[in-house]
């Protein structure tokens, strides 16, 4: 019997620039071409000014834990070996929030406001995902 695999995101046209950046070990998100507001997840309109102009921009990858939850139950067999693990909402220094995992720290030591930095995990030949580690 083989180990179950974790689900990985599909490389869609809307998400492709983000995943291409992650493959290069860079955190890339959309930036409004009108007002300069960063946004994630990618979308057609800026929530600040409603412009449909945007570009992809490299960001620092630094932020703080805005919120988190600790997963104690196995909801997908691909994650069974990692329980308990943390799912975090990171407030990036540039403004947007991104949901990911926090690695390199015991779940009981995670705190709201904890400074974190993006790290990257190659999950397949095609997909590398940003995760976060304490700074």
C-alpha atoms as a PDB file:
ATOM      1  CA  UNK A   1       0.000   0.000   0.000  1.00  0.00           C
ATOM      2  CA  UNK A   2       1.342   3.454  -0.896  1.00  0.00           C
ATOM      3  CA  UNK A   3       1.158   6.526   1.284  1.00  0.00           C
ATOM      4  CA  UNK A   4      -1.757   8.806   0.414  1.00  0.00           C
ATOM      5  CA  UNK A   5      -0.725  12.017  -1.281  1.00  0.00           C
ATOM      6  CA  UNK A   6      -1.667  15.481  -0.133  1.00  0.00           C
ATOM      7  CA  UNK A   7      -3.886  17.494  -2.431  1.00  0.00           C
ATOM      8  CA  UNK A   8      -2.013  20.163  -4.347  1.00  0.00           C
ATOM      9  CA  UNK A   9      -3.411  23.214  -6.109  1.00  0.00           C
ATOM     10  CA  UNK A  10      -4.132  23.054  -9.807  1.00  0.00           C
ATOM     11  CA  UNK A  11      -2.021  25.352 -11.932  1.00  0.00           C
ATOM     12  CA  UNK A  12      -4.780  27.580 -13.279  1.00  0.00           C
ATOM     13  CA  UNK A  13      -4.141  30.656 -15.448  1.00  0.00           C
ATOM     14  CA  UNK A  14      -5.165  32.878 -12.530  1.00  0.00           C
ATOM     15  CA  UNK A  15      -2.799  31.166 -10.043  1.00  0.00           C
ATOM     16  CA  UNK A  16       0.104  30.379 -12.420  1.00  0.00           C
ATOM     17  CA  UNK A  17       2.191  33.548 -11.724  1.00  0.00           C
ATOM     18  CA  UNK A  18       1.955  32.937  -7.959  1.00  0.00           C
ATOM     19  CA  UNK A  19       3.099  29.316  -8.354  1.00  0.00           C
ATOM     20  CA  UNK A  20       5.846  30.246 -10.843  1.00  0.00           C
ATOM     21  CA  UNK A  21       7.195  32.722  -8.282  1.00  0.00           C
ATOM     22  CA  UNK A  22       7.097  30.107  -5.526  1.00  0.00           C
ATOM     23  CA  UNK A  23       9.085  27.745  -7.766  1.00  0.00           C
ATOM     24  CA  UNK A  24      11.776  30.486  -7.854  1.00  0.00           C
ATOM     25  CA  UNK A  25      11.542  30.814  -4.028  1.00  0.00           C
ATOM     26  CA  UNK A  26       9.791  34.189  -4.363  1.00  0.00           C
ATOM     27  CA  UNK A  27       6.449  35.290  -2.976  1.00  0.00           C
ATOM     28  CA  UNK A  28       4.619  36.978  -5.852  1.00  0.00           C
ATOM     29  CA  UNK A  29       1.158  38.538  -5.458  1.00  0.00           C
ATOM     30  CA  UNK A  30      -1.031  40.921  -7.439  1.00  0.00           C
ATOM     31  CA  UNK A  31      -0.630  44.673  -7.122  1.00  0.00           C
ATOM     32  CA  UNK A  32      -3.247  47.127  -8.372  1.00  0.00           C
ATOM     33  CA  UNK A  33      -2.079  49.139 -11.382  1.00  0.00           C
ATOM     34  CA  UNK A  34      -4.144  52.153 -10.283  1.00  0.00           C
ATOM     35  CA  UNK A  35      -3.840  52.559  -6.504  1.00  0.00           C
ATOM     36  CA  UNK A  36      -0.918  50.192  -5.722  1.00  0.00           C
ATOM     37  CA  UNK A  37      -2.864  48.015  -3.266  1.00  0.00           C
ATOM     38  CA  UNK A  38      -1.523  44.470  -2.978  1.00  0.00           C
ATOM     39  CA  UNK A  39      -4.093  41.674  -3.108  1.00  0.00           C
ATOM     40  CA  UNK A  40      -4.305  37.963  -2.530  1.00  0.00           C
ATOM     41  CA  UNK A  41      -5.867  35.698  -3.643  1.00  0.00           C
ATOM     42  CA  UNK A  42      -5.657  36.919  -7.235  1.00  0.00           C
ATOM     43  CA  UNK A  43      -8.828  38.453  -8.649  1.00  0.00           C
ATOM     44  CA  UNK A  44      -9.981  40.632 -11.507  1.00  0.00           C
ATOM     45  CA  UNK A  45     -10.873  43.763  -9.537  1.00  0.00           C
ATOM     46  CA  UNK A  46      -9.079  45.718  -6.831  1.00  0.00           C
ATOM     47  CA  UNK A  47     -11.159  45.782  -3.667  1.00  0.00           C
ATOM     48  CA  UNK A  48      -9.788  49.246  -2.804  1.00  0.00           C
ATOM     49  CA  UNK A  49     -10.516  51.147  -6.047  1.00  0.00           C
ATOM     50  CA  UNK A  50     -12.310  48.593  -8.298  1.00  0.00           C
ATOM     51  CA  UNK A  51      -9.687  48.945 -11.038  1.00  0.00           C
ATOM     52  CA  UNK A  52      -9.161  45.959 -13.312  1.00  0.00           C
ATOM     53  CA  UNK A  53      -5.515  46.895 -13.884  1.00  0.00           C
ATOM     54  CA  UNK A  54      -2.963  44.758 -12.075  1.00  0.00           C
ATOM     55  CA  UNK A  55       0.542  43.324 -12.239  1.00  0.00           C
ATOM     56  CA  UNK A  56       2.345  40.628 -10.318  1.00  0.00           C
ATOM     57  CA  UNK A  57       4.926  41.911  -7.840  1.00  0.00           C
ATOM     58  CA  UNK A  58       7.497  40.308  -5.566  1.00  0.00           C
ATOM     59  CA  UNK A  59       6.845  40.978  -1.873  1.00  0.00           C
ATOM     60  CA  UNK A  60       9.106  40.555   1.141  1.00  0.00           C
ATOM     61  CA  UNK A  61       7.557  37.311   2.403  1.00  0.00           C
ATOM     62  CA  UNK A  62       7.582  38.784   5.907  1.00  0.00           C
ATOM     63  CA  UNK A  63       4.581  39.215   8.129  1.00  0.00           C
ATOM     64  CA  UNK A  64       2.894  38.229  11.376  1.00  0.00           C
ATOM     65  CA  UNK A  65       0.529  35.477  12.440  1.00  0.00           C
ATOM     66  CA  UNK A  66      -2.864  37.174  12.260  1.00  0.00           C
ATOM     67  CA  UNK A  67      -4.831  34.061  13.250  1.00  0.00           C
ATOM     68  CA  UNK A  68      -4.309  30.310  13.424  1.00  0.00           C
ATOM     69  CA  UNK A  69      -5.872  26.970  14.153  1.00  0.00           C
ATOM     70  CA  UNK A  70      -4.312  23.690  15.183  1.00  0.00           C
ATOM     71  CA  UNK A  71      -5.534  20.651  13.286  1.00  0.00           C
ATOM     72  CA  UNK A  72      -5.839  17.681  15.650  1.00  0.00           C
ATOM     73  CA  UNK A  73      -8.144  15.552  13.540  1.00  0.00           C
ATOM     74  CA  UNK A  74      -7.224  13.872  10.243  1.00  0.00           C
ATOM     75  CA  UNK A  75      -9.514  15.332   7.580  1.00  0.00           C
ATOM     76  CA  UNK A  76      -7.399  14.059   4.678  1.00  0.00           C
ATOM     77  CA  UNK A  77      -5.198  10.935   4.834  1.00  0.00           C
ATOM     78  CA  UNK A  78      -2.291  12.812   3.226  1.00  0.00           C
ATOM     79  CA  UNK A  79      -1.896  14.880   6.407  1.00  0.00           C
ATOM     80  CA  UNK A  80      -2.202  12.034   8.930  1.00  0.00           C
ATOM     81  CA  UNK A  81       1.527  11.892   9.723  1.00  0.00           C
ATOM     82  CA  UNK A  82       1.628  15.634  10.524  1.00  0.00           C
ATOM     83  CA  UNK A  83      -1.231  15.887  13.047  1.00  0.00           C
ATOM     84  CA  UNK A  84      -1.194  18.126  15.001  1.00  0.00           C
ATOM     85  CA  UNK A  85      -0.210  20.876  12.568  1.00  0.00           C
ATOM     86  CA  UNK A  86      -0.927  24.581  12.303  1.00  0.00           C
ATOM     87  CA  UNK A  87      -2.876  26.400   9.633  1.00  0.00           C
ATOM     88  CA  UNK A  88      -2.120  30.109   9.831  1.00  0.00           C
ATOM     89  CA  UNK A  89      -3.473  33.323   8.402  1.00  0.00           C
ATOM     90  CA  UNK A  90      -0.429  35.520   7.840  1.00  0.00           C
ATOM     91  CA  UNK A  91      -0.772  39.282   7.528  1.00  0.00           C
ATOM     92  CA  UNK A  92       1.997  40.188   5.081  1.00  0.00           C
ATOM     93  CA  UNK A  93       3.973  43.386   5.691  1.00  0.00           C
ATOM     94  CA  UNK A  94       2.558  44.640   2.384  1.00  0.00           C
ATOM     95  CA  UNK A  95      -1.029  44.254   3.647  1.00  0.00           C
ATOM     96  CA  UNK A  96      -2.786  41.168   2.267  1.00  0.00           C
ATOM     97  CA  UNK A  97      -3.408  38.029   4.251  1.00  0.00           C
ATOM     98  CA  UNK A  98      -2.437  34.577   3.041  1.00  0.00           C
ATOM     99  CA  UNK A  99      -3.454  31.185   4.428  1.00  0.00           C
ATOM    100  CA  UNK A 100      -0.679  28.627   4.750  1.00  0.00           C
ATOM    101  CA  UNK A 101       1.098  26.343   7.195  1.00  0.00           C
ATOM    102  CA  UNK A 102       3.506  27.351   9.934  1.00  0.00           C
ATOM    103  CA  UNK A 103       6.569  25.126  10.131  1.00  0.00           C
ATOM    104  CA  UNK A 104       9.548  24.969  12.453  1.00  0.00           C
ATOM    105  CA  UNK A 105       7.625  25.594  15.661  1.00  0.00           C
ATOM    106  CA  UNK A 106       5.575  23.463  18.013  1.00  0.00           C
ATOM    107  CA  UNK A 107       1.856  24.245  17.663  1.00  0.00           C
ATOM    108  CA  UNK A 108       1.671  25.091  21.382  1.00  0.00           C
ATOM    109  CA  UNK A 109       4.251  27.885  20.890  1.00  0.00           C
ATOM    110  CA  UNK A 110       2.372  29.751  18.148  1.00  0.00           C
ATOM    111  CA  UNK A 111       1.115  33.194  19.119  1.00  0.00           C
ATOM    112  CA  UNK A 112      -0.927  35.902  17.416  1.00  0.00           C
ATOM    113  CA  UNK A 113       1.516  38.616  16.303  1.00  0.00           C
ATOM    114  CA  UNK A 114       4.435  36.161  15.937  1.00  0.00           C
ATOM    115  CA  UNK A 115       6.781  37.419  13.192  1.00  0.00           C
ATOM    116  CA  UNK A 116       7.150  34.965  10.316  1.00  0.00           C
ATOM    117  CA  UNK A 117       8.950  34.672   6.986  1.00  0.00           C
ATOM    118  CA  UNK A 118       8.016  32.715   3.872  1.00  0.00           C
ATOM    119  CA  UNK A 119       9.835  29.456   3.199  1.00  0.00           C
ATOM    120  CA  UNK A 120       9.152  27.214   0.232  1.00  0.00           C
ATOM    121  CA  UNK A 121       8.373  23.509  -0.028  1.00  0.00           C
ATOM    122  CA  UNK A 122       8.531  21.605  -3.301  1.00  0.00           C
ATOM    123  CA  UNK A 123       5.461  19.361  -3.186  1.00  0.00           C
ATOM    124  CA  UNK A 124       5.723  18.008  -6.742  1.00  0.00           C
ATOM    125  CA  UNK A 125       7.848  18.521  -9.837  1.00  0.00           C
ATOM    126  CA  UNK A 126       5.402  21.227 -10.931  1.00  0.00           C
ATOM    127  CA  UNK A 127       4.300  22.840  -7.657  1.00  0.00           C
ATOM    128  CA  UNK A 128       6.226  24.592  -4.873  1.00  0.00           C
ATOM    129  CA  UNK A 129       4.176  26.084  -2.041  1.00  0.00           C
ATOM    130  CA  UNK A 130       4.971  28.959   0.289  1.00  0.00           C
ATOM    131  CA  UNK A 131       4.799  28.118   3.956  1.00  0.00           C
ATOM    132  CA  UNK A 132       5.901  30.257   6.878  1.00  0.00           C
ATOM    133  CA  UNK A 133       8.444  29.852   9.667  1.00  0.00           C
ATOM    134  CA  UNK A 134       9.093  31.979  12.754  1.00  0.00           C
ATOM    135  CA  UNK A 135      11.503  34.834  12.091  1.00  0.00           C
END
